[in-house]
């Protein structure tokens, strides 16, 4: 497993990452399921409320395997909120609303985290860093975009606590570091303590977007399956719980032993997040 191997090679670094990752995962999964239950209640079904699932307590929502997958692969699932569709005021409409509620919640949390990330980024670094990137053609990575994109070299440097500022990439030969690495990193920091805030926001944004994209997959029992079933099949497809369990086992095997699903999800996540970064920078005139 990735976490076990990371603990063996870099125990301190891995534990620090987990300190950011654990609360981010707990908040994202808890609010995802809470949104399902609240919308179901508004649609006339009090089942989640009666069973104590309208709670901010993460222990009431976590699925052990789904949570483990969040840490191993960056996407997973929580314990589904119990609902009784017979209580809905309008079955098809309300089932779609309840199914989309968790995804919409994660997308809203992602957008909020991205806005806060952009603001913190302005307070975290000295303006000279961006000016240096504009003045030097040899420093294409010294841009706000590279510090904010999930696939940015400097984004990953901050996220992993490497304390290095990357300036450019030489093909497959590696990357160039500004100055003497950590010394240059400290020099351009304007508000060092905000690094802790920024790292949490980075994890939080990435987890919420990954969770939203993963749950859009039309695979039972994920939210995307319910939406597809209601819109295109008019809710006529009913899959027994035993079959759903087999599907989940198959999906876990695919996720663990192949990269097909994870690669597709990562591509979607990077594409969406890159577009959001460009939009935020353009709106605030920081591009």
C-alpha atoms as a PDB file:
ATOM      1  CA  UNK A   1       0.000   0.000   0.000  1.00  0.00           C
ATOM      2  CA  UNK A   2       1.106   3.541  -0.697  1.00  0.00           C
ATOM      3  CA  UNK A   3       0.772   4.749   2.878  1.00  0.00           C
ATOM      4  CA  UNK A   4       2.712   1.807   4.321  1.00  0.00           C
ATOM      5  CA  UNK A   5       5.577   2.217   1.864  1.00  0.00           C
ATOM      6  CA  UNK A   6       5.607   5.982   2.493  1.00  0.00           C
ATOM      7  CA  UNK A   7       5.754   5.402   6.248  1.00  0.00           C
ATOM      8  CA  UNK A   8       8.782   3.157   5.742  1.00  0.00           C
ATOM      9  CA  UNK A   9      10.640   5.545   3.430  1.00  0.00           C
ATOM     10  CA  UNK A  10       9.621   8.873   5.006  1.00  0.00           C
ATOM     11  CA  UNK A  11       7.712   8.354   8.279  1.00  0.00           C
ATOM     12  CA  UNK A  12       7.906  11.991   9.402  1.00  0.00           C
ATOM     13  CA  UNK A  13       6.766  13.409   6.071  1.00  0.00           C
ATOM     14  CA  UNK A  14       3.943  10.874   5.761  1.00  0.00           C
ATOM     15  CA  UNK A  15       2.643  11.591   9.271  1.00  0.00           C
ATOM     16  CA  UNK A  16       2.657  15.326   8.560  1.00  0.00           C
ATOM     17  CA  UNK A  17       0.664  14.750   5.362  1.00  0.00           C
ATOM     18  CA  UNK A  18      -1.826  12.590   7.280  1.00  0.00           C
ATOM     19  CA  UNK A  19      -2.315  15.394   9.819  1.00  0.00           C
ATOM     20  CA  UNK A  20      -3.621  17.557   6.974  1.00  0.00           C
ATOM     21  CA  UNK A  21      -5.338  14.748   5.094  1.00  0.00           C
ATOM     22  CA  UNK A  22      -7.350  13.176   7.910  1.00  0.00           C
ATOM     23  CA  UNK A  23      -9.434  16.252   8.873  1.00  0.00           C
ATOM     24  CA  UNK A  24      -9.889  17.134   5.189  1.00  0.00           C
ATOM     25  CA  UNK A  25     -11.263  13.651   4.421  1.00  0.00           C
ATOM     26  CA  UNK A  26     -13.485  13.573   7.513  1.00  0.00           C
ATOM     27  CA  UNK A  27     -15.037  16.963   6.736  1.00  0.00           C
ATOM     28  CA  UNK A  28     -15.554  16.188   3.032  1.00  0.00           C
ATOM     29  CA  UNK A  29     -17.197  12.791   3.625  1.00  0.00           C
ATOM     30  CA  UNK A  30     -19.311  13.994   6.556  1.00  0.00           C
ATOM     31  CA  UNK A  31     -20.737  17.010   4.739  1.00  0.00           C
ATOM     32  CA  UNK A  32     -21.311  14.898   1.609  1.00  0.00           C
ATOM     33  CA  UNK A  33     -23.583  12.498   3.493  1.00  0.00           C
ATOM     34  CA  UNK A  34     -25.132  15.247   5.603  1.00  0.00           C
ATOM     35  CA  UNK A  35     -26.212  16.976   2.384  1.00  0.00           C
ATOM     36  CA  UNK A  36     -27.929  13.788   1.185  1.00  0.00           C
ATOM     37  CA  UNK A  37     -29.843  13.460   4.445  1.00  0.00           C
ATOM     38  CA  UNK A  38     -30.846  17.119   4.670  1.00  0.00           C
ATOM     39  CA  UNK A  39     -32.157  17.267   1.088  1.00  0.00           C
ATOM     40  CA  UNK A  40     -34.060  14.010   1.660  1.00  0.00           C
ATOM     41  CA  UNK A  41     -35.674  15.593   4.719  1.00  0.00           C
ATOM     42  CA  UNK A  42     -36.651  18.665   2.695  1.00  0.00           C
ATOM     43  CA  UNK A  43     -38.153  16.322   0.084  1.00  0.00           C
ATOM     44  CA  UNK A  44     -40.358  14.695   2.709  1.00  0.00           C
ATOM     45  CA  UNK A  45     -38.275  11.740   3.903  1.00  0.00           C
ATOM     46  CA  UNK A  46     -37.248  11.898   7.606  1.00  0.00           C
ATOM     47  CA  UNK A  47     -35.486   8.492   7.581  1.00  0.00           C
ATOM     48  CA  UNK A  48     -31.961   9.903   7.885  1.00  0.00           C
ATOM     49  CA  UNK A  49     -33.047  12.237  10.674  1.00  0.00           C
ATOM     50  CA  UNK A  50     -34.750   9.437  12.619  1.00  0.00           C
ATOM     51  CA  UNK A  51     -31.661   7.236  12.305  1.00  0.00           C
ATOM     52  CA  UNK A  52     -29.337   9.955  13.594  1.00  0.00           C
ATOM     53  CA  UNK A  53     -27.582  10.574  10.287  1.00  0.00           C
ATOM     54  CA  UNK A  54     -28.209  14.332  10.219  1.00  0.00           C
ATOM     55  CA  UNK A  55     -25.102  14.693  12.328  1.00  0.00           C
ATOM     56  CA  UNK A  56     -21.730  16.398  12.066  1.00  0.00           C
ATOM     57  CA  UNK A  57     -20.171  13.390  13.820  1.00  0.00           C
ATOM     58  CA  UNK A  58     -17.908  11.707  11.201  1.00  0.00           C
ATOM     59  CA  UNK A  59     -18.203   8.314  12.916  1.00  0.00           C
ATOM     60  CA  UNK A  60     -21.857   8.124  11.917  1.00  0.00           C
ATOM     61  CA  UNK A  61     -21.001   8.485   8.212  1.00  0.00           C
ATOM     62  CA  UNK A  62     -17.663   6.760   7.558  1.00  0.00           C
ATOM     63  CA  UNK A  63     -17.434   3.526   5.602  1.00  0.00           C
ATOM     64  CA  UNK A  64     -14.178   1.777   6.598  1.00  0.00           C
ATOM     65  CA  UNK A  65     -13.245   0.597   3.094  1.00  0.00           C
ATOM     66  CA  UNK A  66     -14.399   3.785   1.365  1.00  0.00           C
ATOM     67  CA  UNK A  67     -12.425   5.912   3.819  1.00  0.00           C
ATOM     68  CA  UNK A  68      -9.337   3.739   3.334  1.00  0.00           C
ATOM     69  CA  UNK A  69      -9.622   4.258  -0.413  1.00  0.00           C
ATOM     70  CA  UNK A  70      -9.748   8.027   0.138  1.00  0.00           C
ATOM     71  CA  UNK A  71      -6.290   7.822   1.704  1.00  0.00           C
ATOM     72  CA  UNK A  72      -4.883   5.273  -0.747  1.00  0.00           C
ATOM     73  CA  UNK A  73      -6.235   6.648  -4.024  1.00  0.00           C
ATOM     74  CA  UNK A  74      -7.594  10.132  -3.242  1.00  0.00           C
ATOM     75  CA  UNK A  75     -11.244   9.158  -3.839  1.00  0.00           C
ATOM     76  CA  UNK A  76     -13.692   6.889  -2.071  1.00  0.00           C
ATOM     77  CA  UNK A  77     -17.109   6.837  -0.443  1.00  0.00           C
ATOM     78  CA  UNK A  78     -18.926   7.087   2.870  1.00  0.00           C
ATOM     79  CA  UNK A  79     -21.718   4.991   4.390  1.00  0.00           C
ATOM     80  CA  UNK A  80     -24.828   5.751   2.294  1.00  0.00           C
ATOM     81  CA  UNK A  81     -27.509   7.756   4.085  1.00  0.00           C
ATOM     82  CA  UNK A  82     -30.667   5.640   4.518  1.00  0.00           C
ATOM     83  CA  UNK A  83     -33.633   7.020   2.589  1.00  0.00           C
ATOM     84  CA  UNK A  84     -37.167   5.833   1.892  1.00  0.00           C
ATOM     85  CA  UNK A  85     -38.154   7.044  -1.590  1.00  0.00           C
ATOM     86  CA  UNK A  86     -41.813   6.302  -0.835  1.00  0.00           C
ATOM     87  CA  UNK A  87     -41.796   9.400   1.376  1.00  0.00           C
ATOM     88  CA  UNK A  88     -40.668  11.685  -1.463  1.00  0.00           C
ATOM     89  CA  UNK A  89     -43.131  14.282  -2.672  1.00  0.00           C
ATOM     90  CA  UNK A  90     -42.100  13.660  -6.279  1.00  0.00           C
ATOM     91  CA  UNK A  91     -40.173  10.408  -6.664  1.00  0.00           C
ATOM     92  CA  UNK A  92     -38.029  11.017  -9.767  1.00  0.00           C
ATOM     93  CA  UNK A  93     -37.324  14.688  -9.101  1.00  0.00           C
ATOM     94  CA  UNK A  94     -36.557  14.175  -5.422  1.00  0.00           C
ATOM     95  CA  UNK A  95     -34.404  11.093  -6.010  1.00  0.00           C
ATOM     96  CA  UNK A  96     -32.277  13.129  -8.439  1.00  0.00           C
ATOM     97  CA  UNK A  97     -32.035  16.027  -5.970  1.00  0.00           C
ATOM     98  CA  UNK A  98     -31.026  13.740  -3.103  1.00  0.00           C
ATOM     99  CA  UNK A  99     -28.501  11.907  -5.293  1.00  0.00           C
ATOM    100  CA  UNK A 100     -26.896  15.142  -6.484  1.00  0.00           C
ATOM    101  CA  UNK A 101     -26.866  16.783  -3.042  1.00  0.00           C
ATOM    102  CA  UNK A 102     -23.579  15.209  -1.924  1.00  0.00           C
ATOM    103  CA  UNK A 103     -21.842  15.990  -5.207  1.00  0.00           C
ATOM    104  CA  UNK A 104     -23.056  19.593  -5.146  1.00  0.00           C
ATOM    105  CA  UNK A 105     -21.855  19.940  -1.546  1.00  0.00           C
ATOM    106  CA  UNK A 106     -18.369  18.711  -2.476  1.00  0.00           C
ATOM    107  CA  UNK A 107     -18.224  21.011  -5.506  1.00  0.00           C
ATOM    108  CA  UNK A 108     -19.212  23.990  -3.336  1.00  0.00           C
ATOM    109  CA  UNK A 109     -16.542  23.087  -0.775  1.00  0.00           C
ATOM    110  CA  UNK A 110     -14.011  22.721  -3.604  1.00  0.00           C
ATOM    111  CA  UNK A 111     -14.851  26.170  -5.015  1.00  0.00           C
ATOM    112  CA  UNK A 112     -14.698  27.736  -1.547  1.00  0.00           C
ATOM    113  CA  UNK A 113     -11.311  26.108  -0.909  1.00  0.00           C
ATOM    114  CA  UNK A 114     -10.015  27.318  -4.289  1.00  0.00           C
ATOM    115  CA  UNK A 115     -11.081  30.904  -3.588  1.00  0.00           C
ATOM    116  CA  UNK A 116      -9.436  30.791  -0.158  1.00  0.00           C
ATOM    117  CA  UNK A 117      -6.312  29.179  -1.674  1.00  0.00           C
ATOM    118  CA  UNK A 118      -6.021  32.009  -4.171  1.00  0.00           C
ATOM    119  CA  UNK A 119      -6.381  34.631  -1.442  1.00  0.00           C
ATOM    120  CA  UNK A 120      -3.907  32.915   0.871  1.00  0.00           C
ATOM    121  CA  UNK A 121      -1.461  32.565  -2.040  1.00  0.00           C
ATOM    122  CA  UNK A 122      -1.406  36.359  -2.384  1.00  0.00           C
ATOM    123  CA  UNK A 123      -0.674  36.794   1.324  1.00  0.00           C
ATOM    124  CA  UNK A 124       1.811  33.936   1.477  1.00  0.00           C
ATOM    125  CA  UNK A 125       4.360  35.069  -1.140  1.00  0.00           C
ATOM    126  CA  UNK A 126       6.139  38.345  -1.756  1.00  0.00           C
ATOM    127  CA  UNK A 127       5.073  40.130  -4.984  1.00  0.00           C
ATOM    128  CA  UNK A 128       8.700  39.973  -6.141  1.00  0.00           C
ATOM    129  CA  UNK A 129       8.255  36.260  -6.811  1.00  0.00           C
ATOM    130  CA  UNK A 130       5.641  36.897  -9.510  1.00  0.00           C
ATOM    131  CA  UNK A 131       7.653  39.819 -10.903  1.00  0.00           C
ATOM    132  CA  UNK A 132      10.658  37.523 -11.216  1.00  0.00           C
ATOM    133  CA  UNK A 133       8.568  35.061 -13.195  1.00  0.00           C
ATOM    134  CA  UNK A 134       7.384  37.812 -15.550  1.00  0.00           C
ATOM    135  CA  UNK A 135      10.875  39.215 -16.098  1.00  0.00           C
ATOM    136  CA  UNK A 136      12.682  35.938 -16.763  1.00  0.00           C
ATOM    137  CA  UNK A 137      11.844  33.715 -19.717  1.00  0.00           C
ATOM    138  CA  UNK A 138      13.814  30.972 -17.973  1.00  0.00           C
ATOM    139  CA  UNK A 139      11.312  30.828 -15.096  1.00  0.00           C
ATOM    140  CA  UNK A 140       7.981  29.692 -16.600  1.00  0.00           C
ATOM    141  CA  UNK A 141       6.941  28.002 -13.350  1.00  0.00           C
ATOM    142  CA  UNK A 142       7.091  31.200 -11.279  1.00  0.00           C
ATOM    143  CA  UNK A 143       3.427  31.960 -11.847  1.00  0.00           C
ATOM    144  CA  UNK A 144       0.385  31.966  -9.611  1.00  0.00           C
ATOM    145  CA  UNK A 145      -1.075  29.285 -11.863  1.00  0.00           C
ATOM    146  CA  UNK A 146       1.713  26.804 -11.107  1.00  0.00           C
ATOM    147  CA  UNK A 147       1.322  27.421  -7.369  1.00  0.00           C
ATOM    148  CA  UNK A 148      -2.441  26.797  -7.548  1.00  0.00           C
ATOM    149  CA  UNK A 149      -2.910  23.959 -10.067  1.00  0.00           C
ATOM    150  CA  UNK A 150      -3.063  20.425  -8.705  1.00  0.00           C
ATOM    151  CA  UNK A 151      -0.417  19.347 -11.237  1.00  0.00           C
ATOM    152  CA  UNK A 152       1.820  22.390 -10.689  1.00  0.00           C
ATOM    153  CA  UNK A 153       5.401  21.684  -9.641  1.00  0.00           C
ATOM    154  CA  UNK A 154       5.287  24.405  -7.001  1.00  0.00           C
ATOM    155  CA  UNK A 155       1.817  23.339  -5.862  1.00  0.00           C
ATOM    156  CA  UNK A 156       3.192  19.865  -5.188  1.00  0.00           C
ATOM    157  CA  UNK A 157       6.292  21.318  -3.537  1.00  0.00           C
ATOM    158  CA  UNK A 158       4.199  23.286  -1.048  1.00  0.00           C
ATOM    159  CA  UNK A 159       1.802  20.367  -0.553  1.00  0.00           C
ATOM    160  CA  UNK A 160       4.601  17.926   0.272  1.00  0.00           C
ATOM    161  CA  UNK A 161       6.583  20.411   2.375  1.00  0.00           C
ATOM    162  CA  UNK A 162       9.676  20.232   0.150  1.00  0.00           C
ATOM    163  CA  UNK A 163      10.458  23.927   0.785  1.00  0.00           C
ATOM    164  CA  UNK A 164      11.781  24.452  -2.730  1.00  0.00           C
ATOM    165  CA  UNK A 165      10.667  26.802  -5.487  1.00  0.00           C
ATOM    166  CA  UNK A 166      10.868  25.319  -8.971  1.00  0.00           C
ATOM    167  CA  UNK A 167      11.544  27.667 -11.856  1.00  0.00           C
ATOM    168  CA  UNK A 168      11.506  25.488 -14.993  1.00  0.00           C
ATOM    169  CA  UNK A 169      11.530  21.957 -16.337  1.00  0.00           C
ATOM    170  CA  UNK A 170      14.246  20.602 -18.639  1.00  0.00           C
ATOM    171  CA  UNK A 171      12.250  17.946 -20.479  1.00  0.00           C
ATOM    172  CA  UNK A 172      12.862  14.604 -18.821  1.00  0.00           C
ATOM    173  CA  UNK A 173      16.118  15.811 -17.301  1.00  0.00           C
ATOM    174  CA  UNK A 174      14.524  17.245 -14.163  1.00  0.00           C
ATOM    175  CA  UNK A 175      13.615  20.631 -12.746  1.00  0.00           C
ATOM    176  CA  UNK A 176      15.554  23.749 -11.843  1.00  0.00           C
ATOM    177  CA  UNK A 177      15.304  25.179  -8.342  1.00  0.00           C
ATOM    178  CA  UNK A 178      15.379  28.873  -7.544  1.00  0.00           C
ATOM    179  CA  UNK A 179      18.552  29.895  -5.722  1.00  0.00           C
ATOM    180  CA  UNK A 180      19.684  27.462  -3.064  1.00  0.00           C
ATOM    181  CA  UNK A 181      16.349  25.756  -2.558  1.00  0.00           C
ATOM    182  CA  UNK A 182      15.118  26.192   1.001  1.00  0.00           C
ATOM    183  CA  UNK A 183      16.909  29.550   1.444  1.00  0.00           C
ATOM    184  CA  UNK A 184      15.136  30.996  -1.595  1.00  0.00           C
ATOM    185  CA  UNK A 185      11.871  29.468  -0.377  1.00  0.00           C
ATOM    186  CA  UNK A 186      12.185  31.276   2.969  1.00  0.00           C
ATOM    187  CA  UNK A 187      13.262  34.534   1.329  1.00  0.00           C
ATOM    188  CA  UNK A 188      10.138  34.826  -0.817  1.00  0.00           C
ATOM    189  CA  UNK A 189       7.756  33.848   1.984  1.00  0.00           C
ATOM    190  CA  UNK A 190       5.869  36.884   3.254  1.00  0.00           C
ATOM    191  CA  UNK A 191       3.705  35.189   5.913  1.00  0.00           C
ATOM    192  CA  UNK A 192       5.286  31.803   6.808  1.00  0.00           C
ATOM    193  CA  UNK A 193       2.565  30.604   9.183  1.00  0.00           C
ATOM    194  CA  UNK A 194       0.021  30.707   6.342  1.00  0.00           C
ATOM    195  CA  UNK A 195       1.835  27.715   4.815  1.00  0.00           C
ATOM    196  CA  UNK A 196      -0.085  25.474   7.232  1.00  0.00           C
ATOM    197  CA  UNK A 197      -3.394  27.007   6.193  1.00  0.00           C
ATOM    198  CA  UNK A 198      -2.497  26.737   2.516  1.00  0.00           C
ATOM    199  CA  UNK A 199      -1.523  23.069   2.755  1.00  0.00           C
ATOM    200  CA  UNK A 200      -4.825  22.188   4.405  1.00  0.00           C
ATOM    201  CA  UNK A 201      -6.764  24.088   1.738  1.00  0.00           C
ATOM    202  CA  UNK A 202      -4.804  22.278  -0.972  1.00  0.00           C
ATOM    203  CA  UNK A 203      -5.700  18.872   0.449  1.00  0.00           C
ATOM    204  CA  UNK A 204      -9.287  19.951   1.100  1.00  0.00           C
ATOM    205  CA  UNK A 205      -9.808  21.257  -2.445  1.00  0.00           C
ATOM    206  CA  UNK A 206      -8.313  18.156  -4.038  1.00  0.00           C
ATOM    207  CA  UNK A 207     -10.271  15.720  -1.876  1.00  0.00           C
ATOM    208  CA  UNK A 208     -13.620  17.426  -2.459  1.00  0.00           C
ATOM    209  CA  UNK A 209     -13.215  17.619  -6.237  1.00  0.00           C
ATOM    210  CA  UNK A 210     -12.011  14.000  -6.409  1.00  0.00           C
ATOM    211  CA  UNK A 211     -14.969  12.890  -4.292  1.00  0.00           C
ATOM    212  CA  UNK A 212     -17.429  14.776  -6.517  1.00  0.00           C
ATOM    213  CA  UNK A 213     -15.970  13.378  -9.760  1.00  0.00           C
ATOM    214  CA  UNK A 214     -15.795   9.828  -8.386  1.00  0.00           C
ATOM    215  CA  UNK A 215     -19.417   9.895  -7.246  1.00  0.00           C
ATOM    216  CA  UNK A 216     -20.528  11.025 -10.696  1.00  0.00           C
ATOM    217  CA  UNK A 217     -19.553   7.614 -12.094  1.00  0.00           C
ATOM    218  CA  UNK A 218     -22.747   5.760 -13.144  1.00  0.00           C
ATOM    219  CA  UNK A 219     -21.801   2.705 -11.093  1.00  0.00           C
ATOM    220  CA  UNK A 220     -24.073   1.435  -8.292  1.00  0.00           C
ATOM    221  CA  UNK A 221     -24.303   2.455  -5.519  1.00  0.00           C
ATOM    222  CA  UNK A 222     -22.587   5.765  -6.411  1.00  0.00           C
ATOM    223  CA  UNK A 223     -24.685   8.902  -6.857  1.00  0.00           C
ATOM    224  CA  UNK A 224     -24.114   8.991 -10.603  1.00  0.00           C
ATOM    225  CA  UNK A 225     -25.915   5.643 -10.962  1.00  0.00           C
ATOM    226  CA  UNK A 226     -29.075   7.018  -9.329  1.00  0.00           C
ATOM    227  CA  UNK A 227     -29.047  10.090 -11.554  1.00  0.00           C
ATOM    228  CA  UNK A 228     -28.613   8.044 -14.749  1.00  0.00           C
ATOM    229  CA  UNK A 229     -31.265   5.562 -13.609  1.00  0.00           C
ATOM    230  CA  UNK A 230     -33.787   8.334 -12.897  1.00  0.00           C
ATOM    231  CA  UNK A 231     -33.140  10.456 -15.990  1.00  0.00           C
ATOM    232  CA  UNK A 232     -32.596   7.845 -18.694  1.00  0.00           C
ATOM    233  CA  UNK A 233     -34.259   4.714 -17.291  1.00  0.00           C
ATOM    234  CA  UNK A 234     -37.067   6.489 -15.380  1.00  0.00           C
ATOM    235  CA  UNK A 235     -36.056   4.671 -12.183  1.00  0.00           C
ATOM    236  CA  UNK A 236     -36.925   1.243 -13.561  1.00  0.00           C
ATOM    237  CA  UNK A 237     -33.541  -0.376 -12.849  1.00  0.00           C
ATOM    238  CA  UNK A 238     -33.454  -2.083  -9.443  1.00  0.00           C
ATOM    239  CA  UNK A 239     -30.222  -3.845  -8.512  1.00  0.00           C
ATOM    240  CA  UNK A 240     -30.282  -6.241  -5.498  1.00  0.00           C
ATOM    241  CA  UNK A 241     -27.969  -5.449  -2.588  1.00  0.00           C
ATOM    242  CA  UNK A 242     -25.966  -8.658  -3.180  1.00  0.00           C
ATOM    243  CA  UNK A 243     -25.241  -7.628  -6.757  1.00  0.00           C
ATOM    244  CA  UNK A 244     -24.218  -4.139  -5.616  1.00  0.00           C
ATOM    245  CA  UNK A 245     -21.770  -5.706  -3.139  1.00  0.00           C
ATOM    246  CA  UNK A 246     -20.243  -7.776  -5.945  1.00  0.00           C
ATOM    247  CA  UNK A 247     -19.965  -4.644  -8.114  1.00  0.00           C
ATOM    248  CA  UNK A 248     -18.218  -2.776  -5.294  1.00  0.00           C
ATOM    249  CA  UNK A 249     -15.744  -5.632  -4.789  1.00  0.00           C
ATOM    250  CA  UNK A 250     -15.026  -5.651  -8.522  1.00  0.00           C
ATOM    251  CA  UNK A 251     -14.513  -1.881  -8.523  1.00  0.00           C
ATOM    252  CA  UNK A 252     -12.119  -2.116  -5.577  1.00  0.00           C
ATOM    253  CA  UNK A 253     -10.101  -4.772  -7.401  1.00  0.00           C
ATOM    254  CA  UNK A 254      -9.943  -2.582 -10.510  1.00  0.00           C
ATOM    255  CA  UNK A 255      -8.877   0.433  -8.464  1.00  0.00           C
ATOM    256  CA  UNK A 256      -6.174  -1.455  -6.616  1.00  0.00           C
ATOM    257  CA  UNK A 257      -4.680  -3.529  -9.424  1.00  0.00           C
ATOM    258  CA  UNK A 258      -5.234  -1.300 -12.475  1.00  0.00           C
ATOM    259  CA  UNK A 259      -4.915   2.393 -13.217  1.00  0.00           C
ATOM    260  CA  UNK A 260      -7.825   2.694 -15.668  1.00  0.00           C
ATOM    261  CA  UNK A 261     -10.388   4.268 -13.329  1.00  0.00           C
ATOM    262  CA  UNK A 262      -7.869   6.279 -11.320  1.00  0.00           C
ATOM    263  CA  UNK A 263      -6.292   7.709 -14.480  1.00  0.00           C
ATOM    264  CA  UNK A 264      -9.695   8.716 -15.884  1.00  0.00           C
ATOM    265  CA  UNK A 265     -10.695  10.377 -12.618  1.00  0.00           C
ATOM    266  CA  UNK A 266      -7.347  12.151 -12.261  1.00  0.00           C
ATOM    267  CA  UNK A 267      -7.591  13.476 -15.820  1.00  0.00           C
ATOM    268  CA  UNK A 268     -11.081  14.836 -15.148  1.00  0.00           C
ATOM    269  CA  UNK A 269      -9.990  16.361 -11.829  1.00  0.00           C
ATOM    270  CA  UNK A 270      -6.952  18.104 -13.325  1.00  0.00           C
ATOM    271  CA  UNK A 271      -8.985  19.409 -16.268  1.00  0.00           C
ATOM    272  CA  UNK A 272     -11.776  20.843 -14.110  1.00  0.00           C
ATOM    273  CA  UNK A 273      -9.418  22.294 -11.517  1.00  0.00           C
ATOM    274  CA  UNK A 274      -7.192  23.872 -14.157  1.00  0.00           C
ATOM    275  CA  UNK A 275     -10.217  25.592 -15.717  1.00  0.00           C
ATOM    276  CA  UNK A 276     -11.347  26.841 -12.295  1.00  0.00           C
ATOM    277  CA  UNK A 277      -7.874  28.224 -11.535  1.00  0.00           C
ATOM    278  CA  UNK A 278      -7.842  30.078 -14.861  1.00  0.00           C
ATOM    279  CA  UNK A 279     -11.316  31.459 -14.192  1.00  0.00           C
ATOM    280  CA  UNK A 280     -10.527  32.671 -10.666  1.00  0.00           C
ATOM    281  CA  UNK A 281      -7.273  34.323 -11.749  1.00  0.00           C
ATOM    282  CA  UNK A 282      -9.054  36.021 -14.657  1.00  0.00           C
ATOM    283  CA  UNK A 283     -11.937  37.290 -12.489  1.00  0.00           C
ATOM    284  CA  UNK A 284      -9.574  38.827  -9.940  1.00  0.00           C
ATOM    285  CA  UNK A 285      -7.086  40.088 -12.532  1.00  0.00           C
ATOM    286  CA  UNK A 286      -4.253  37.848 -11.337  1.00  0.00           C
ATOM    287  CA  UNK A 287      -3.679  35.851 -14.512  1.00  0.00           C
END
